[in-house]
C-alpha cells in the first residue's frame, strides 16, 4: 500500500459490536470499577489484585471477526 489515506466502507455488524461491548464491559466491571473502589479505600494490595489479563478469553474470536469485516470492506 502506498503512503497516504484510504477510505473503506464498513457496514454495521451488530454481532461484532455486541462482542466488543461484552469484552469492554468485562474490563470495566472486573478491573476499572474494583480498582477505583480499592484506591478510594486506600487498599493498595486489593487495587493491585485487579490487574487485567493480557488477553481476554474472547480476543481470538474478536480478531477473527475483525479480519472478516476487513475482507468485506470496499475501498471507496
N, C-alpha and C. Protein backbone atom coordinates (compact mmCIF):
# COMPACT_ATOMS: atom_id res chain seq x y z
N UNK A 1 0.85 -1.18 0.00
CA UNK A 1 0.00 0.00 0.00
C UNK A 1 0.89 1.24 0.00
N UNK A 2 0.49 2.23 -0.72
CA UNK A 2 1.27 3.46 -0.80
C UNK A 2 1.01 4.35 0.41
N UNK A 3 1.86 5.32 0.57
CA UNK A 3 1.65 6.29 1.65
C UNK A 3 0.43 7.13 1.34
N UNK A 4 -0.27 7.53 2.34
CA UNK A 4 -1.46 8.35 2.13
C UNK A 4 -2.66 7.78 2.85
N UNK A 5 -3.80 8.18 2.43
CA UNK A 5 -5.05 7.77 3.08
C UNK A 5 -5.86 6.86 2.18
N UNK A 6 -6.69 6.08 2.79
CA UNK A 6 -7.62 5.23 2.07
C UNK A 6 -8.94 5.26 2.82
N UNK A 7 -10.02 5.18 2.10
CA UNK A 7 -11.35 5.20 2.69
C UNK A 7 -12.04 3.88 2.37
N UNK A 8 -12.52 3.22 3.42
CA UNK A 8 -13.21 1.95 3.26
C UNK A 8 -14.62 2.07 3.81
N UNK A 9 -15.55 1.42 3.17
CA UNK A 9 -16.91 1.36 3.68
C UNK A 9 -17.07 0.05 4.44
N UNK A 10 -17.34 0.18 5.73
CA UNK A 10 -17.55 -0.99 6.59
C UNK A 10 -18.99 -0.94 7.07
N UNK A 11 -19.75 -1.95 6.74
CA UNK A 11 -21.15 -1.98 7.14
C UNK A 11 -21.30 -2.43 8.59
N UNK A 12 -22.36 -1.99 9.22
CA UNK A 12 -22.61 -2.35 10.62
C UNK A 12 -22.78 -3.85 10.77
N UNK A 13 -22.24 -4.33 11.86
CA UNK A 13 -22.37 -5.74 12.20
C UNK A 13 -22.70 -5.78 13.69
N UNK A 14 -23.98 -5.94 14.00
CA UNK A 14 -24.44 -5.86 15.39
C UNK A 14 -23.81 -6.95 16.26
N UNK A 15 -23.59 -8.11 15.71
CA UNK A 15 -22.96 -9.19 16.48
C UNK A 15 -21.51 -8.81 16.85
N UNK A 16 -20.81 -8.21 15.91
CA UNK A 16 -19.42 -7.77 16.14
C UNK A 16 -19.37 -6.75 17.29
N UNK A 17 -20.24 -5.74 17.21
CA UNK A 17 -20.24 -4.71 18.24
C UNK A 17 -20.75 -5.25 19.57
N UNK A 18 -21.64 -6.23 19.53
CA UNK A 18 -22.07 -6.86 20.77
C UNK A 18 -20.94 -7.60 21.45
N UNK A 19 -20.13 -8.28 20.65
CA UNK A 19 -18.96 -8.99 21.19
C UNK A 19 -17.98 -8.00 21.80
N UNK A 20 -17.71 -6.91 21.08
CA UNK A 20 -16.78 -5.90 21.61
C UNK A 20 -17.34 -5.26 22.88
N UNK A 21 -18.63 -4.98 22.89
CA UNK A 21 -19.24 -4.38 24.07
C UNK A 21 -19.09 -5.31 25.28
N UNK A 22 -19.29 -6.59 25.07
CA UNK A 22 -19.12 -7.55 26.17
C UNK A 22 -17.71 -7.57 26.71
N UNK A 23 -16.73 -7.51 25.83
CA UNK A 23 -15.34 -7.50 26.26
C UNK A 23 -15.01 -6.22 27.03
N UNK A 24 -15.48 -5.09 26.54
CA UNK A 24 -15.24 -3.82 27.23
C UNK A 24 -15.98 -3.77 28.57
N UNK A 25 -17.18 -4.32 28.60
CA UNK A 25 -17.95 -4.37 29.86
C UNK A 25 -17.19 -5.21 30.89
N UNK A 26 -16.66 -6.35 30.47
CA UNK A 26 -15.87 -7.19 31.38
C UNK A 26 -14.68 -6.41 31.94
N UNK A 27 -13.97 -5.71 31.07
CA UNK A 27 -12.82 -4.93 31.52
C UNK A 27 -13.26 -3.87 32.54
N UNK A 28 -14.32 -3.17 32.25
CA UNK A 28 -14.79 -2.10 33.14
C UNK A 28 -15.17 -2.65 34.52
N UNK A 29 -16.02 -3.69 34.52
CA UNK A 29 -16.55 -4.17 35.80
C UNK A 29 -15.60 -5.11 36.55
N UNK A 30 -14.68 -5.79 35.84
CA UNK A 30 -13.74 -6.69 36.51
C UNK A 30 -12.45 -6.00 36.92
N UNK A 31 -12.15 -4.85 36.30
CA UNK A 31 -10.88 -4.19 36.60
C UNK A 31 -11.05 -2.74 37.03
N UNK A 32 -11.62 -1.91 36.19
CA UNK A 32 -11.66 -0.48 36.47
C UNK A 32 -12.45 -0.17 37.74
N UNK A 33 -13.67 -0.64 37.83
CA UNK A 33 -14.51 -0.31 38.99
C UNK A 33 -13.91 -0.84 40.30
N UNK A 34 -13.50 -2.11 40.36
CA UNK A 34 -12.92 -2.58 41.62
C UNK A 34 -11.64 -1.84 42.03
N UNK A 35 -10.82 -1.49 41.06
CA UNK A 35 -9.59 -0.75 41.39
C UNK A 35 -9.94 0.63 41.93
N UNK A 36 -10.88 1.29 41.31
CA UNK A 36 -11.28 2.61 41.80
C UNK A 36 -11.80 2.52 43.23
N UNK A 37 -12.56 1.49 43.52
CA UNK A 37 -13.08 1.32 44.88
C UNK A 37 -11.95 1.03 45.87
N UNK A 38 -10.99 0.19 45.46
CA UNK A 38 -9.86 -0.14 46.34
C UNK A 38 -8.99 1.09 46.58
N UNK A 39 -8.76 1.88 45.55
CA UNK A 39 -7.96 3.10 45.70
C UNK A 39 -8.67 4.08 46.64
N UNK A 40 -9.99 4.20 46.47
CA UNK A 40 -10.75 5.09 47.35
C UNK A 40 -10.67 4.64 48.80
N UNK A 41 -10.57 3.32 49.00
CA UNK A 41 -10.45 2.78 50.36
C UNK A 41 -9.00 2.72 50.82
N UNK A 42 -8.09 3.24 49.99
CA UNK A 42 -6.65 3.24 50.28
C UNK A 42 -6.12 1.84 50.53
N UNK A 43 -6.62 0.87 49.78
CA UNK A 43 -6.19 -0.53 49.88
C UNK A 43 -5.37 -0.87 48.63
N UNK A 44 -4.08 -0.57 48.69
CA UNK A 44 -3.21 -0.76 47.53
C UNK A 44 -3.09 -2.23 47.14
N UNK A 45 -3.04 -3.13 48.10
CA UNK A 45 -2.93 -4.56 47.79
C UNK A 45 -4.14 -5.04 47.00
N UNK A 46 -5.32 -4.62 47.41
CA UNK A 46 -6.54 -5.00 46.70
C UNK A 46 -6.53 -4.40 45.30
N UNK A 47 -6.10 -3.15 45.18
CA UNK A 47 -6.06 -2.50 43.88
C UNK A 47 -5.15 -3.26 42.93
N UNK A 48 -4.01 -3.71 43.39
CA UNK A 48 -3.07 -4.44 42.55
C UNK A 48 -3.62 -5.80 42.13
N UNK A 49 -4.52 -6.37 42.92
CA UNK A 49 -5.04 -7.70 42.61
C UNK A 49 -6.01 -7.70 41.43
N UNK A 50 -6.45 -6.53 41.00
CA UNK A 50 -7.42 -6.45 39.90
C UNK A 50 -6.77 -6.15 38.55
N UNK A 51 -5.48 -6.37 38.43
CA UNK A 51 -4.81 -6.14 37.15
C UNK A 51 -5.43 -7.07 36.10
N UNK A 52 -5.83 -6.52 34.95
CA UNK A 52 -6.49 -7.36 33.94
C UNK A 52 -5.51 -8.33 33.28
N UNK A 53 -6.07 -9.41 32.74
CA UNK A 53 -5.26 -10.37 31.98
C UNK A 53 -4.75 -9.67 30.71
N UNK A 54 -3.66 -10.17 30.17
CA UNK A 54 -3.09 -9.58 28.95
C UNK A 54 -4.05 -9.74 27.77
N UNK A 55 -4.80 -10.84 27.77
CA UNK A 55 -5.76 -11.10 26.69
C UNK A 55 -7.07 -11.60 27.28
N UNK A 56 -8.14 -11.06 26.79
CA UNK A 56 -9.48 -11.51 27.17
C UNK A 56 -9.72 -12.88 26.55
N UNK A 57 -10.56 -13.69 27.15
CA UNK A 57 -10.81 -15.03 26.61
C UNK A 57 -11.44 -15.00 25.22
N UNK A 58 -12.04 -13.88 24.84
CA UNK A 58 -12.66 -13.76 23.52
C UNK A 58 -11.79 -13.00 22.50
N UNK A 59 -10.55 -12.72 22.84
CA UNK A 59 -9.68 -11.95 21.94
C UNK A 59 -9.52 -12.62 20.59
N UNK A 60 -9.28 -13.91 20.56
CA UNK A 60 -9.12 -14.62 19.29
C UNK A 60 -10.35 -14.51 18.42
N UNK A 61 -11.50 -14.65 19.03
CA UNK A 61 -12.77 -14.54 18.28
C UNK A 61 -12.94 -13.12 17.73
N UNK A 62 -12.57 -12.12 18.54
CA UNK A 62 -12.68 -10.73 18.10
C UNK A 62 -11.74 -10.45 16.94
N UNK A 63 -10.55 -10.97 16.99
CA UNK A 63 -9.59 -10.79 15.89
C UNK A 63 -10.14 -11.43 14.61
N UNK A 64 -10.68 -12.64 14.74
CA UNK A 64 -11.26 -13.31 13.58
C UNK A 64 -12.39 -12.51 12.96
N UNK A 65 -13.28 -12.00 13.79
CA UNK A 65 -14.40 -11.19 13.29
C UNK A 65 -13.90 -9.91 12.63
N UNK A 66 -12.86 -9.30 13.20
CA UNK A 66 -12.28 -8.08 12.63
C UNK A 66 -11.71 -8.36 11.25
N UNK A 67 -11.02 -9.48 11.11
CA UNK A 67 -10.44 -9.83 9.81
C UNK A 67 -11.54 -10.06 8.77
N UNK A 68 -12.64 -10.70 9.18
CA UNK A 68 -13.76 -10.91 8.25
C UNK A 68 -14.37 -9.58 7.81
N UNK A 69 -14.52 -8.64 8.75
CA UNK A 69 -15.05 -7.33 8.39
C UNK A 69 -14.12 -6.62 7.42
N UNK A 70 -12.82 -6.72 7.67
CA UNK A 70 -11.84 -6.07 6.80
C UNK A 70 -11.88 -6.65 5.39
N UNK A 71 -12.06 -7.97 5.29
CA UNK A 71 -12.13 -8.61 3.97
C UNK A 71 -13.32 -8.12 3.16
N UNK A 72 -14.42 -7.85 3.84
CA UNK A 72 -15.65 -7.42 3.17
C UNK A 72 -15.66 -5.92 2.85
N UNK A 73 -14.77 -5.16 3.49
CA UNK A 73 -14.77 -3.70 3.33
C UNK A 73 -14.40 -3.31 1.91
N UNK A 74 -15.19 -2.45 1.34
CA UNK A 74 -14.96 -1.99 -0.04
C UNK A 74 -14.15 -0.70 -0.03
N UNK A 75 -13.10 -0.67 -0.84
CA UNK A 75 -12.31 0.54 -0.99
C UNK A 75 -13.14 1.56 -1.77
N UNK A 76 -13.27 2.74 -1.25
CA UNK A 76 -14.08 3.79 -1.88
C UNK A 76 -13.25 4.58 -2.88
